[in-house]
Amino acid sequence: MDIMMDNLLSKILFPGRVIKIARSNGLIHNAHITKVCLDKNAVFVQWSENGIDKGKEIGVDEVISINTGLLDWGSLTPKENLPPPENALTVSISFENC
């Protein structure tokens, strides 16, 4: 990935951002980004299912294909940057090397 693409992705994919993910069973639902690994071209996400925290690594290409509006400059609205409601899943955010 080139530097311009890395810069663009770092502006649209960041820890705490909510994105849609596809599960192996075909279900699409929201998940929080917990870590972005530009060197691996992937993000790690977390969600809660039946009271259990789950997570997985997803390639950036898959994230963009499911979240088609991410590349629209208007996709970062102030509403998306507000803290989650009190009953939302608590997400641990990591800035470690991948």
C-alpha atoms as a PDB file:
ATOM      1  CA  MET A   1       0.000   0.000   0.000  1.00  0.00           C
ATOM      2  CA  ASP A   2       1.382   3.435  -0.778  1.00  0.00           C
ATOM      3  CA  ILE A   3       1.756   6.354   1.638  1.00  0.00           C
ATOM      4  CA  MET A   4      -1.256   8.251   0.269  1.00  0.00           C
ATOM      5  CA  MET A   5      -3.501   5.205   0.735  1.00  0.00           C
ATOM      6  CA  ASP A   6      -2.115   4.638   4.261  1.00  0.00           C
ATOM      7  CA  ASN A   7      -2.924   8.262   5.097  1.00  0.00           C
ATOM      8  CA  LEU A   8      -6.459   7.951   3.718  1.00  0.00           C
ATOM      9  CA  LEU A   9      -7.119   4.683   5.554  1.00  0.00           C
ATOM     10  CA  SER A  10      -5.832   6.104   8.841  1.00  0.00           C
ATOM     11  CA  LYS A  11      -8.438   8.866   8.546  1.00  0.00           C
ATOM     12  CA  ILE A  12     -11.371   6.508   7.903  1.00  0.00           C
ATOM     13  CA  LEU A  13     -10.341   3.373   9.849  1.00  0.00           C
ATOM     14  CA  PHE A  14      -9.389   4.074  13.447  1.00  0.00           C
ATOM     15  CA  PRO A  15      -9.844   2.441  16.861  1.00  0.00           C
ATOM     16  CA  GLY A  16     -13.329   3.054  18.226  1.00  0.00           C
ATOM     17  CA  ARG A  17     -14.985   3.493  14.829  1.00  0.00           C
ATOM     18  CA  VAL A  18     -18.089   1.369  14.250  1.00  0.00           C
ATOM     19  CA  ILE A  19     -18.167  -0.546  10.970  1.00  0.00           C
ATOM     20  CA  LYS A  20     -20.281  -3.305   9.486  1.00  0.00           C
ATOM     21  CA  ILE A  21     -18.725  -6.778   9.284  1.00  0.00           C
ATOM     22  CA  ALA A  22     -19.784  -9.996   7.555  1.00  0.00           C
ATOM     23  CA  ARG A  23     -19.834 -13.192   9.597  1.00  0.00           C
ATOM     24  CA  SER A  24     -19.110 -16.644   8.186  1.00  0.00           C
ATOM     25  CA  ASN A  25     -22.857 -17.406   8.390  1.00  0.00           C
ATOM     26  CA  GLY A  26     -23.631 -14.428   6.134  1.00  0.00           C
ATOM     27  CA  LEU A  27     -24.968 -12.188   8.915  1.00  0.00           C
ATOM     28  CA  ILE A  28     -23.856  -8.553   8.667  1.00  0.00           C
ATOM     29  CA  HIS A  29     -23.725  -6.501  11.861  1.00  0.00           C
ATOM     30  CA  ASN A  30     -21.846  -3.674  13.573  1.00  0.00           C
ATOM     31  CA  ALA A  31     -18.496  -4.057  15.300  1.00  0.00           C
ATOM     32  CA  HIS A  32     -15.970  -1.657  16.851  1.00  0.00           C
ATOM     33  CA  ILE A  33     -12.482  -1.355  15.412  1.00  0.00           C
ATOM     34  CA  THR A  34      -9.986  -2.099  18.199  1.00  0.00           C
ATOM     35  CA  LYS A  35      -6.738  -2.025  16.231  1.00  0.00           C
ATOM     36  CA  VAL A  36      -5.621  -0.979  12.739  1.00  0.00           C
ATOM     37  CA  CYS A  37      -2.642  -2.757  11.159  1.00  0.00           C
ATOM     38  CA  LEU A  38      -1.713  -0.934   7.974  1.00  0.00           C
ATOM     39  CA  ASP A  39       1.316  -3.203   7.531  1.00  0.00           C
ATOM     40  CA  LYS A  40      -1.037  -6.217   7.418  1.00  0.00           C
ATOM     41  CA  ASN A  41      -3.733  -4.270   5.537  1.00  0.00           C
ATOM     42  CA  ALA A  42      -6.232  -5.339   8.219  1.00  0.00           C
ATOM     43  CA  VAL A  43      -8.298  -4.202  11.193  1.00  0.00           C
ATOM     44  CA  PHE A  44      -9.229  -6.064  14.339  1.00  0.00           C
ATOM     45  CA  VAL A  45     -12.858  -5.711  15.431  1.00  0.00           C
ATOM     46  CA  GLN A  46     -14.882  -6.618  18.502  1.00  0.00           C
ATOM     47  CA  TRP A  47     -18.600  -7.091  19.161  1.00  0.00           C
ATOM     48  CA  SER A  48     -20.842  -8.688  21.746  1.00  0.00           C
ATOM     49  CA  GLU A  49     -23.031 -11.689  20.977  1.00  0.00           C
ATOM     50  CA  ASN A  50     -25.331 -13.231  23.597  1.00  0.00           C
ATOM     51  CA  GLY A  51     -23.356 -11.478  26.328  1.00  0.00           C
ATOM     52  CA  ILE A  52     -20.005 -12.820  25.059  1.00  0.00           C
ATOM     53  CA  ASP A  53     -17.337 -10.528  23.593  1.00  0.00           C
ATOM     54  CA  LYS A  54     -16.084 -11.764  20.233  1.00  0.00           C
ATOM     55  CA  GLY A  55     -13.546 -10.458  17.765  1.00  0.00           C
ATOM     56  CA  LYS A  56     -11.721 -11.136  14.536  1.00  0.00           C
ATOM     57  CA  GLU A  57      -9.267  -9.728  12.027  1.00  0.00           C
ATOM     58  CA  ILE A  58     -10.704  -8.408   8.757  1.00  0.00           C
ATOM     59  CA  GLY A  59      -8.859  -7.296   5.634  1.00  0.00           C
ATOM     60  CA  VAL A  60      -9.233  -3.642   4.662  1.00  0.00           C
ATOM     61  CA  ASP A  61     -10.541  -4.636   1.216  1.00  0.00           C
ATOM     62  CA  GLU A  62     -13.393  -6.576   2.835  1.00  0.00           C
ATOM     63  CA  VAL A  63     -14.151  -3.686   5.215  1.00  0.00           C
ATOM     64  CA  ILE A  64     -14.407  -1.244   2.320  1.00  0.00           C
ATOM     65  CA  SER A  65     -16.532  -3.622   0.220  1.00  0.00           C
ATOM     66  CA  ILE A  66     -19.082  -4.016   3.049  1.00  0.00           C
ATOM     67  CA  ASN A  67     -18.922  -0.365   4.194  1.00  0.00           C
ATOM     68  CA  THR A  68     -19.189   1.287   0.792  1.00  0.00           C
ATOM     69  CA  GLY A  69     -19.764   4.756   2.266  1.00  0.00           C
ATOM     70  CA  LEU A  70     -16.396   4.805   4.053  1.00  0.00           C
ATOM     71  CA  LEU A  71     -14.637   6.355   1.098  1.00  0.00           C
ATOM     72  CA  ASP A  72     -17.185   9.180   0.897  1.00  0.00           C
ATOM     73  CA  TRP A  73     -15.618  12.251   2.493  1.00  0.00           C
ATOM     74  CA  GLY A  74     -18.919  13.013   4.213  1.00  0.00           C
ATOM     75  CA  SER A  75     -19.001   9.676   6.055  1.00  0.00           C
ATOM     76  CA  LEU A  76     -17.341  11.070   9.197  1.00  0.00           C
ATOM     77  CA  THR A  77     -20.232  12.887  10.804  1.00  0.00           C
ATOM     78  CA  PRO A  78     -20.118  14.362  14.315  1.00  0.00           C
ATOM     79  CA  LYS A  79     -22.777  11.834  15.410  1.00  0.00           C
ATOM     80  CA  GLU A  80     -20.396   8.938  14.668  1.00  0.00           C
ATOM     81  CA  ASN A  81     -17.724  10.497  16.843  1.00  0.00           C
ATOM     82  CA  LEU A  82     -19.887  10.784  19.970  1.00  0.00           C
ATOM     83  CA  PRO A  83     -19.185   8.358  22.818  1.00  0.00           C
ATOM     84  CA  PRO A  84     -21.368   5.232  22.817  1.00  0.00           C
ATOM     85  CA  PRO A  85     -24.403   4.994  25.093  1.00  0.00           C
ATOM     86  CA  GLU A  86     -23.826   3.701  28.617  1.00  0.00           C
ATOM     87  CA  ASN A  87     -25.204   0.254  27.742  1.00  0.00           C
ATOM     88  CA  ALA A  88     -22.808  -0.186  24.811  1.00  0.00           C
ATOM     89  CA  LEU A  89     -20.035  -2.761  24.625  1.00  0.00           C
ATOM     90  CA  THR A  90     -16.814  -1.622  26.291  1.00  0.00           C
ATOM     91  CA  VAL A  91     -13.976  -1.826  23.779  1.00  0.00           C
ATOM     92  CA  SER A  92     -10.312  -2.037  24.673  1.00  0.00           C
ATOM     93  CA  ILE A  93      -8.253  -0.080  22.158  1.00  0.00           C
ATOM     94  CA  SER A  94      -4.742  -1.106  21.217  1.00  0.00           C
ATOM     95  CA  PHE A  95      -2.065   0.925  19.468  1.00  0.00           C
ATOM     96  CA  GLU A  96       0.529  -1.874  19.537  1.00  0.00           C
ATOM     97  CA  ASN A  97       2.599  -2.916  16.532  1.00  0.00           C
ATOM     98  CA  CYS A  98       0.926  -5.707  14.587  1.00  0.00           C
END
